[in-house]
N, C-alpha and C. Protein backbone atom coordinates (compact mmCIF):
# COMPACT_ATOMS: atom_id res chain seq x y z
N MET A 1 64.76 32.49 -119.92
CA MET A 1 65.16 33.82 -119.50
C MET A 1 64.89 33.97 -118.02
N LYS A 2 65.85 34.43 -117.27
CA LYS A 2 65.71 34.66 -115.83
C LYS A 2 65.14 36.05 -115.59
N PHE A 3 64.29 36.15 -114.55
CA PHE A 3 63.75 37.43 -114.12
C PHE A 3 64.33 37.77 -112.76
N THR A 4 64.40 39.06 -112.46
CA THR A 4 64.72 39.51 -111.13
C THR A 4 63.59 40.40 -110.67
N GLN A 5 63.10 40.15 -109.48
CA GLN A 5 61.99 40.94 -108.97
C GLN A 5 62.52 41.90 -107.92
N ASP A 6 62.20 43.19 -108.07
CA ASP A 6 62.69 44.21 -107.15
C ASP A 6 62.07 44.10 -105.76
N ASN A 7 60.76 43.94 -105.70
CA ASN A 7 60.06 43.90 -104.42
C ASN A 7 59.30 42.59 -104.28
N PRO A 8 59.99 41.51 -103.96
CA PRO A 8 59.28 40.24 -103.87
C PRO A 8 58.23 40.29 -102.78
N GLY A 9 57.04 39.83 -103.10
CA GLY A 9 55.94 39.78 -102.15
C GLY A 9 55.44 38.36 -102.05
N SER A 10 54.24 38.22 -101.64
CA SER A 10 53.67 36.88 -101.50
C SER A 10 53.01 36.42 -102.79
N GLU A 11 52.98 37.27 -103.81
CA GLU A 11 52.35 36.89 -105.06
C GLU A 11 53.16 35.83 -105.80
N LEU A 12 52.43 35.02 -106.56
CA LEU A 12 53.06 34.03 -107.43
C LEU A 12 53.41 34.71 -108.74
N VAL A 13 54.70 34.69 -109.09
CA VAL A 13 55.17 35.30 -110.32
C VAL A 13 56.17 34.37 -111.00
N PHE A 14 56.36 34.60 -112.28
CA PHE A 14 57.32 33.82 -113.05
C PHE A 14 58.71 34.35 -112.78
N SER A 15 59.64 33.44 -112.49
CA SER A 15 61.03 33.85 -112.30
C SER A 15 61.93 33.34 -113.42
N ASP A 16 61.40 32.44 -114.27
CA ASP A 16 62.19 31.91 -115.37
C ASP A 16 61.24 31.18 -116.31
N TYR A 17 61.68 31.01 -117.56
CA TYR A 17 60.92 30.21 -118.52
C TYR A 17 61.85 29.77 -119.63
N ASP A 18 61.48 28.67 -120.28
CA ASP A 18 62.15 28.24 -121.51
C ASP A 18 61.10 27.52 -122.35
N ASP A 19 61.49 26.86 -123.40
CA ASP A 19 60.52 26.24 -124.31
C ASP A 19 59.72 25.10 -123.68
N HIS A 20 60.23 24.50 -122.60
CA HIS A 20 59.56 23.31 -122.05
C HIS A 20 59.28 23.39 -120.56
N SER A 21 59.39 24.58 -119.97
CA SER A 21 59.10 24.73 -118.54
C SER A 21 58.93 26.20 -118.20
N VAL A 22 58.36 26.42 -117.02
CA VAL A 22 58.34 27.75 -116.42
C VAL A 22 58.73 27.57 -114.96
N THR A 23 59.21 28.63 -114.36
CA THR A 23 59.52 28.61 -112.94
C THR A 23 58.71 29.70 -112.28
N ILE A 24 57.97 29.32 -111.25
CA ILE A 24 57.14 30.25 -110.49
C ILE A 24 57.65 30.24 -109.06
N ASN A 25 58.08 31.40 -108.60
CA ASN A 25 58.64 31.52 -107.24
C ASN A 25 59.63 30.39 -106.96
N GLU A 26 60.52 30.19 -107.90
CA GLU A 26 61.62 29.21 -107.81
C GLU A 26 61.17 27.75 -107.89
N GLN A 27 59.90 27.49 -108.22
CA GLN A 27 59.42 26.11 -108.43
C GLN A 27 59.32 25.87 -109.93
N LYS A 28 60.15 24.96 -110.44
CA LYS A 28 60.15 24.64 -111.87
C LYS A 28 58.99 23.70 -112.18
N LEU A 29 58.22 24.06 -113.22
CA LEU A 29 57.05 23.29 -113.62
C LEU A 29 57.20 22.89 -115.08
N VAL A 30 56.89 21.63 -115.38
CA VAL A 30 57.08 21.12 -116.74
C VAL A 30 55.79 20.65 -117.39
N SER A 31 54.65 21.01 -116.79
CA SER A 31 53.37 20.68 -117.40
C SER A 31 52.50 21.93 -117.41
N SER A 32 51.48 21.91 -118.24
CA SER A 32 50.59 23.06 -118.37
C SER A 32 49.97 23.42 -117.02
N LEU A 33 49.68 24.71 -116.83
CA LEU A 33 49.24 25.20 -115.54
C LEU A 33 48.40 26.46 -115.69
N ILE A 34 47.70 26.78 -114.61
CA ILE A 34 47.00 28.06 -114.48
C ILE A 34 47.52 28.70 -113.20
N VAL A 35 47.87 29.98 -113.29
CA VAL A 35 48.37 30.69 -112.11
C VAL A 35 47.62 32.01 -111.94
N PHE A 36 47.28 32.27 -110.69
CA PHE A 36 46.74 33.55 -110.24
C PHE A 36 47.78 34.12 -109.28
N PRO A 37 47.72 35.39 -108.96
CA PRO A 37 48.69 35.92 -108.00
C PRO A 37 48.68 35.20 -106.65
N ASP A 38 47.55 34.57 -106.30
CA ASP A 38 47.44 33.91 -105.00
C ASP A 38 47.23 32.40 -105.07
N ALA A 39 47.27 31.81 -106.26
CA ALA A 39 47.00 30.37 -106.36
C ALA A 39 47.64 29.79 -107.62
N LEU A 40 48.21 28.61 -107.46
CA LEU A 40 48.82 27.89 -108.58
C LEU A 40 48.08 26.58 -108.76
N HIS A 41 47.65 26.32 -109.98
CA HIS A 41 46.96 25.08 -110.31
C HIS A 41 47.82 24.33 -111.32
N GLU A 42 48.60 23.38 -110.80
CA GLU A 42 49.48 22.58 -111.64
C GLU A 42 48.68 21.52 -112.38
N GLN A 43 49.31 20.93 -113.36
CA GLN A 43 48.70 19.83 -114.11
C GLN A 43 47.39 20.25 -114.79
N TRP A 44 47.38 21.44 -115.40
CA TRP A 44 46.21 21.86 -116.17
C TRP A 44 46.01 20.84 -117.28
N GLN A 45 44.85 20.29 -117.37
CA GLN A 45 44.57 19.19 -118.28
C GLN A 45 44.34 19.67 -119.71
N THR A 46 45.43 19.99 -120.36
CA THR A 46 45.36 20.33 -121.78
C THR A 46 46.61 19.83 -122.46
N ARG A 47 46.44 19.37 -123.68
CA ARG A 47 47.58 18.83 -124.42
C ARG A 47 48.16 19.85 -125.39
N ASN A 48 47.31 20.64 -126.01
CA ASN A 48 47.77 21.65 -126.96
C ASN A 48 46.63 22.63 -127.24
N VAL A 49 46.91 23.65 -127.97
CA VAL A 49 45.93 24.71 -128.23
C VAL A 49 44.73 24.18 -129.00
N SER A 50 44.96 23.36 -130.00
CA SER A 50 43.85 22.90 -130.85
C SER A 50 42.87 21.98 -130.12
N SER A 51 43.30 21.37 -129.02
CA SER A 51 42.40 20.47 -128.30
C SER A 51 41.70 21.13 -127.12
N LEU A 52 41.88 22.42 -126.91
CA LEU A 52 41.23 23.11 -125.80
C LEU A 52 39.71 23.08 -125.96
N THR A 53 39.02 22.90 -124.83
CA THR A 53 37.56 22.95 -124.80
C THR A 53 37.14 23.90 -123.69
N ILE A 54 35.87 24.22 -123.65
CA ILE A 54 35.35 25.10 -122.61
C ILE A 54 35.61 24.54 -121.21
N GLU A 55 35.61 23.23 -121.08
CA GLU A 55 35.86 22.60 -119.79
C GLU A 55 37.26 22.90 -119.26
N ASN A 56 38.22 23.11 -120.15
CA ASN A 56 39.57 23.46 -119.72
C ASN A 56 39.61 24.80 -119.00
N PHE A 57 38.56 25.60 -119.15
CA PHE A 57 38.53 26.95 -118.59
C PHE A 57 37.59 27.06 -117.40
N ASP A 58 37.12 25.92 -116.85
CA ASP A 58 36.18 25.95 -115.72
C ASP A 58 36.70 26.79 -114.56
N LEU A 59 37.93 26.59 -114.17
CA LEU A 59 38.50 27.33 -113.05
C LEU A 59 38.50 28.83 -113.33
N LEU A 60 38.87 29.20 -114.53
CA LEU A 60 38.89 30.62 -114.90
C LEU A 60 37.49 31.20 -114.95
N LEU A 61 36.53 30.41 -115.41
CA LEU A 61 35.15 30.87 -115.44
C LEU A 61 34.59 31.03 -114.03
N GLN A 62 35.06 30.23 -113.09
CA GLN A 62 34.62 30.36 -111.70
C GLN A 62 35.20 31.61 -111.05
N ARG A 63 36.49 31.86 -111.28
CA ARG A 63 37.16 32.99 -110.62
C ARG A 63 36.97 34.30 -111.36
N ARG A 64 36.78 34.25 -112.66
CA ARG A 64 36.53 35.42 -113.50
C ARG A 64 37.51 36.58 -113.28
N PRO A 65 38.79 36.34 -113.50
CA PRO A 65 39.73 37.47 -113.41
C PRO A 65 39.45 38.47 -114.53
N ASP A 66 39.87 39.71 -114.32
CA ASP A 66 39.66 40.75 -115.33
C ASP A 66 40.44 40.45 -116.61
N ILE A 67 41.62 39.86 -116.45
CA ILE A 67 42.50 39.60 -117.58
C ILE A 67 42.94 38.14 -117.53
N VAL A 68 42.79 37.43 -118.66
CA VAL A 68 43.27 36.06 -118.77
C VAL A 68 44.28 36.02 -119.92
N ILE A 69 45.49 35.63 -119.58
CA ILE A 69 46.55 35.51 -120.58
C ILE A 69 46.72 34.04 -120.90
N LEU A 70 46.61 33.69 -122.16
CA LEU A 70 46.82 32.32 -122.60
C LEU A 70 48.18 32.24 -123.29
N GLY A 71 49.10 31.51 -122.68
CA GLY A 71 50.41 31.27 -123.28
C GLY A 71 50.36 29.99 -124.09
N THR A 72 50.73 30.08 -125.36
CA THR A 72 50.54 28.95 -126.28
C THR A 72 51.84 28.29 -126.71
N GLY A 73 52.87 28.40 -125.91
CA GLY A 73 54.15 27.78 -126.27
C GLY A 73 55.10 28.80 -126.86
N ASN A 74 56.02 28.32 -127.70
CA ASN A 74 57.01 29.24 -128.25
C ASN A 74 56.51 29.97 -129.50
N LYS A 75 55.28 29.67 -129.92
CA LYS A 75 54.64 30.38 -131.03
C LYS A 75 53.22 30.75 -130.62
N GLN A 76 52.75 31.88 -131.10
CA GLN A 76 51.37 32.28 -130.84
C GLN A 76 50.45 31.44 -131.71
N LYS A 77 49.53 30.74 -131.05
CA LYS A 77 48.57 29.88 -131.75
C LYS A 77 47.19 30.19 -131.19
N PHE A 78 46.21 30.31 -132.05
CA PHE A 78 44.88 30.67 -131.59
C PHE A 78 44.01 29.43 -131.39
N PRO A 79 43.26 29.39 -130.28
CA PRO A 79 42.33 28.29 -130.05
C PRO A 79 41.22 28.31 -131.09
N PRO A 80 40.48 27.22 -131.22
CA PRO A 80 39.39 27.19 -132.18
C PRO A 80 38.42 28.36 -131.97
N ILE A 81 37.91 28.90 -133.06
CA ILE A 81 37.03 30.07 -133.00
C ILE A 81 35.79 29.79 -132.17
N GLU A 82 35.24 28.60 -132.25
CA GLU A 82 34.04 28.28 -131.47
C GLU A 82 34.32 28.38 -129.97
N LEU A 83 35.48 27.94 -129.54
CA LEU A 83 35.86 28.06 -128.13
C LEU A 83 35.96 29.53 -127.74
N ARG A 84 36.61 30.33 -128.56
CA ARG A 84 36.72 31.76 -128.26
C ARG A 84 35.35 32.41 -128.17
N ARG A 85 34.42 31.98 -129.02
CA ARG A 85 33.05 32.51 -128.95
C ARG A 85 32.37 32.10 -127.65
N GLN A 86 32.53 30.83 -127.26
CA GLN A 86 31.92 30.35 -126.01
C GLN A 86 32.47 31.13 -124.81
N LEU A 87 33.77 31.33 -124.78
CA LEU A 87 34.38 32.07 -123.68
C LEU A 87 33.90 33.51 -123.66
N ALA A 88 33.83 34.14 -124.82
CA ALA A 88 33.35 35.52 -124.90
C ALA A 88 31.89 35.61 -124.43
N ALA A 89 31.09 34.64 -124.80
CA ALA A 89 29.69 34.62 -124.36
C ALA A 89 29.60 34.50 -122.84
N ASN A 90 30.60 33.91 -122.23
CA ASN A 90 30.68 33.79 -120.77
C ASN A 90 31.51 34.92 -120.15
N ARG A 91 31.77 35.93 -120.94
CA ARG A 91 32.52 37.13 -120.50
C ARG A 91 33.92 36.81 -120.00
N LEU A 92 34.56 35.88 -120.68
CA LEU A 92 35.95 35.57 -120.39
C LEU A 92 36.71 35.76 -121.70
N HIS A 93 37.50 36.80 -121.76
CA HIS A 93 38.24 37.13 -122.97
C HIS A 93 39.71 36.81 -122.76
N LEU A 94 40.30 36.19 -123.75
CA LEU A 94 41.70 35.78 -123.68
C LEU A 94 42.60 36.77 -124.39
N GLU A 95 43.76 36.99 -123.80
CA GLU A 95 44.87 37.65 -124.47
C GLU A 95 45.82 36.51 -124.82
N ILE A 96 46.01 36.26 -126.11
CA ILE A 96 46.75 35.09 -126.57
C ILE A 96 48.13 35.51 -127.02
N MET A 97 49.15 34.84 -126.48
CA MET A 97 50.53 35.19 -126.81
C MET A 97 51.46 34.01 -126.57
N THR A 98 52.70 34.17 -126.93
CA THR A 98 53.70 33.13 -126.64
C THR A 98 53.87 33.03 -125.13
N ASN A 99 54.46 31.93 -124.69
CA ASN A 99 54.71 31.79 -123.26
C ASN A 99 55.66 32.86 -122.74
N ALA A 100 56.66 33.21 -123.50
CA ALA A 100 57.60 34.25 -123.07
C ALA A 100 56.86 35.57 -122.84
N ALA A 101 56.05 35.97 -123.79
CA ALA A 101 55.29 37.21 -123.65
C ALA A 101 54.26 37.10 -122.53
N ALA A 102 53.65 35.92 -122.39
CA ALA A 102 52.65 35.72 -121.33
C ALA A 102 53.29 35.87 -119.95
N CYS A 103 54.46 35.29 -119.75
CA CYS A 103 55.15 35.39 -118.46
C CYS A 103 55.49 36.84 -118.13
N ARG A 104 56.05 37.54 -119.10
CA ARG A 104 56.41 38.95 -118.88
C ARG A 104 55.18 39.80 -118.59
N THR A 105 54.13 39.61 -119.39
CA THR A 105 52.91 40.42 -119.24
C THR A 105 52.23 40.13 -117.91
N TYR A 106 52.12 38.86 -117.55
CA TYR A 106 51.53 38.48 -116.27
C TYR A 106 52.29 39.15 -115.12
N ASN A 107 53.62 39.05 -115.12
CA ASN A 107 54.41 39.64 -114.03
C ASN A 107 54.18 41.15 -113.94
N LEU A 108 54.12 41.81 -115.07
CA LEU A 108 53.88 43.26 -115.08
C LEU A 108 52.52 43.57 -114.47
N LEU A 109 51.50 42.84 -114.88
CA LEU A 109 50.15 43.08 -114.37
C LEU A 109 50.03 42.76 -112.88
N VAL A 110 50.71 41.72 -112.42
CA VAL A 110 50.73 41.42 -110.98
C VAL A 110 51.39 42.57 -110.22
N SER A 111 52.47 43.12 -110.77
CA SER A 111 53.16 44.22 -110.09
C SER A 111 52.28 45.47 -110.01
N GLU A 112 51.31 45.56 -110.91
CA GLU A 112 50.35 46.67 -110.89
C GLU A 112 49.12 46.33 -110.06
N ASP A 113 49.14 45.18 -109.38
CA ASP A 113 48.03 44.72 -108.54
C ASP A 113 46.74 44.52 -109.33
N ARG A 114 46.88 44.02 -110.56
CA ARG A 114 45.72 43.76 -111.42
C ARG A 114 45.16 42.37 -111.15
N ASP A 115 43.89 42.19 -111.46
CA ASP A 115 43.20 40.90 -111.31
C ASP A 115 43.47 40.09 -112.58
N VAL A 116 44.51 39.25 -112.54
CA VAL A 116 45.01 38.57 -113.72
C VAL A 116 45.20 37.09 -113.45
N ALA A 117 45.12 36.31 -114.50
CA ALA A 117 45.48 34.89 -114.46
C ALA A 117 46.23 34.56 -115.73
N ALA A 118 47.12 33.59 -115.63
CA ALA A 118 47.83 33.10 -116.81
C ALA A 118 47.57 31.61 -116.93
N ALA A 119 47.17 31.20 -118.11
CA ALA A 119 47.00 29.78 -118.44
C ALA A 119 48.11 29.47 -119.44
N ILE A 120 49.05 28.64 -119.04
CA ILE A 120 50.26 28.39 -119.81
C ILE A 120 50.27 26.95 -120.30
N ILE A 121 50.39 26.79 -121.60
CA ILE A 121 50.52 25.47 -122.19
C ILE A 121 52.01 25.16 -122.34
N ILE A 122 52.46 24.13 -121.65
CA ILE A 122 53.86 23.71 -121.74
C ILE A 122 53.95 22.65 -122.82
N GLU A 123 54.71 22.94 -123.83
CA GLU A 123 54.88 22.01 -124.94
C GLU A 123 55.90 20.93 -124.57
N THR A 124 55.55 19.70 -124.85
CA THR A 124 56.48 18.59 -124.69
C THR A 124 56.54 17.83 -126.00
N ALA A 125 57.53 17.00 -126.12
CA ALA A 125 57.73 16.27 -127.38
C ALA A 125 56.56 15.36 -127.70
N ASP A 126 55.82 14.90 -126.69
CA ASP A 126 54.75 13.94 -126.93
C ASP A 126 53.34 14.51 -126.89
N ASN A 127 53.18 15.86 -126.81
CA ASN A 127 51.82 16.38 -126.70
C ASN A 127 51.25 16.87 -128.02
N GLY A 128 51.96 16.70 -129.10
CA GLY A 128 51.41 17.06 -130.39
C GLY A 128 51.33 18.55 -130.65
N ALA A 129 52.06 19.33 -129.88
CA ALA A 129 51.99 20.78 -130.03
C ALA A 129 52.70 21.26 -131.26
């Protein structure tokens, strides 16, 4: 789905997405990533939701945005409960949704100047998702 932004600024936002990629500020990405309004971290080292560990969230734990959106592909999938407990104990709470919903929600929150990050898992045929 293509997005159109009314007031493009310097923020990093999603301009397109499909089942196997996202586009941020016209840069197409085909691997999992973490994005903040001011920083893009490509090649997020995760294969799928079930294999996520606390270490996958080091960057988010360092920056501690108010809102963390976890995009889990074309279906909403929840990470292991123990991981969610560890993150909550570290005061990092996830909003878990499909990538489509994550992209839309992230863009809306960026437009409201909120402290947000999106961690997007890009599903590929070989990642076991």
